[in-house]
C-alpha atoms as a PDB file:
ATOM      1  CA  MET A   1    -103.156 136.073 -16.734  1.00  0.00           C
ATOM      2  CA  PRO A   2    -100.233 135.858 -19.209  1.00  0.00           C
ATOM      3  CA  LYS A   3     -97.328 138.261 -18.759  1.00  0.00           C
ATOM      4  CA  SER A   4     -96.847 141.018 -21.299  1.00  0.00           C
ATOM      5  CA  THR A   5     -94.066 140.519 -23.841  1.00  0.00           C
ATOM      6  CA  ASP A   6     -93.735 144.197 -24.763  1.00  0.00           C
ATOM      7  CA  LYS A   7     -91.044 144.645 -22.061  1.00  0.00           C
ATOM      8  CA  TRP A   8     -88.304 142.255 -21.066  1.00  0.00           C
ATOM      9  CA  GLU A   9     -86.352 141.995 -17.829  1.00  0.00           C
ATOM     10  CA  ASN A  10     -82.998 142.170 -19.599  1.00  0.00           C
ATOM     11  CA  GLU A  11     -83.878 145.167 -21.737  1.00  0.00           C
ATOM     12  CA  GLY A  12     -81.176 147.810 -21.540  1.00  0.00           C
ATOM     13  CA  GLY A  13     -78.193 145.537 -21.049  1.00  0.00           C
ATOM     14  CA  SER A  14     -76.717 143.640 -18.167  1.00  0.00           C
ATOM     15  CA  LEU A  15     -75.190 144.771 -14.924  1.00  0.00           C
ATOM     16  CA  GLU A  16     -71.659 143.842 -13.964  1.00  0.00           C
ATOM     17  CA  ALA A  17     -71.533 141.274 -11.211  1.00  0.00           C
ATOM     18  CA  PRO A  18     -69.792 142.367  -8.020  1.00  0.00           C
ATOM     19  CA  SER A  19     -66.126 141.424  -8.166  1.00  0.00           C
ATOM     20  CA  SER A  20     -64.074 139.677  -5.514  1.00  0.00           C
ATOM     21  CA  ILE A  21     -60.882 140.928  -7.171  1.00  0.00           C
ATOM     22  CA  PRO A  22     -59.089 143.298  -4.807  1.00  0.00           C
ATOM     23  CA  PRO A  23     -58.159 146.855  -5.831  1.00  0.00           C
ATOM     24  CA  GLY A  24     -54.813 146.987  -7.616  1.00  0.00           C
ATOM     25  CA  VAL A  25     -55.408 143.726  -9.503  1.00  0.00           C
ATOM     26  CA  VAL A  26     -56.485 144.065 -13.131  1.00  0.00           C
ATOM     27  CA  ARG A  27     -58.521 141.315 -14.760  1.00  0.00           C
ATOM     28  CA  HIS A  28     -57.773 140.441 -18.400  1.00  0.00           C
ATOM     29  CA  THR A  29     -59.524 138.080 -20.744  1.00  0.00           C
ATOM     30  CA  GLU A  30     -57.642 136.775 -23.714  1.00  0.00           C
ATOM     31  CA  GLU A  31     -58.280 134.235 -26.413  1.00  0.00           C
ATOM     32  CA  THR A  32     -56.224 131.050 -26.340  1.00  0.00           C
ATOM     33  CA  PHE A  33     -55.692 128.369 -28.957  1.00  0.00           C
ATOM     34  CA  THR A  34     -54.979 124.745 -28.087  1.00  0.00           C
ATOM     35  CA  VAL A  35     -52.954 122.375 -30.251  1.00  0.00           C
ATOM     36  CA  GLY A  36     -52.591 118.989 -28.638  1.00  0.00           C
ATOM     37  CA  SER A  37     -51.480 119.678 -25.069  1.00  0.00           C
ATOM     38  CA  TYR A  38     -50.034 123.118 -25.891  1.00  0.00           C
ATOM     39  CA  ARG A  39     -51.802 126.464 -25.465  1.00  0.00           C
ATOM     40  CA  TYR A  40     -51.064 129.574 -27.479  1.00  0.00           C
ATOM     41  CA  THR A  41     -52.244 133.180 -27.244  1.00  0.00           C
ATOM     42  CA  ASN A  42     -50.975 133.839 -30.754  1.00  0.00           C
ATOM     43  CA  LEU A  43     -52.939 132.275 -33.629  1.00  0.00           C
ATOM     44  CA  THR A  44     -49.943 132.351 -35.981  1.00  0.00           C
ATOM     45  CA  ALA A  45     -47.895 130.300 -33.502  1.00  0.00           C
ATOM     46  CA  ALA A  46     -50.746 127.810 -33.061  1.00  0.00           C
ATOM     47  CA  VAL A  47     -51.109 127.356 -36.822  1.00  0.00           C
ATOM     48  CA  ALA A  48     -47.341 126.884 -37.141  1.00  0.00           C
ATOM     49  CA  GLU A  49     -47.485 124.142 -34.484  1.00  0.00           C
ATOM     50  CA  VAL A  50     -50.311 122.406 -36.351  1.00  0.00           C
ATOM     51  CA  LYS A  51     -48.226 122.464 -39.542  1.00  0.00           C
ATOM     52  CA  ARG A  52     -45.107 121.187 -37.736  1.00  0.00           C
ATOM     53  CA  SER A  53     -47.033 118.380 -36.057  1.00  0.00           C
ATOM     54  CA  GLY A  54     -48.750 117.272 -39.255  1.00  0.00           C
ATOM     55  CA  ARG A  55     -52.207 117.781 -37.734  1.00  0.00           C
ATOM     56  CA  LEU A  56     -53.370 120.236 -40.387  1.00  0.00           C
ATOM     57  CA  HIS A  57     -56.366 118.840 -42.278  1.00  0.00           C
ATOM     58  CA  LYS A  58     -57.201 120.464 -45.576  1.00  0.00           C
ATOM     59  CA  SER A  59     -60.901 120.608 -46.440  1.00  0.00           C
END
């Protein structure tokens, strides 16, 4: 007998996985940008490095 598709297992969102991070430690996620072998957290700095290095390709 086929399963009903009117309800889904993931309906209502996801649950946070248990963390192995000890109390007192705060987890952060941040976006990074890579230019060559360098990493930047600031997009303006990454774009400036691309311009300095001559890697900027205009489309």
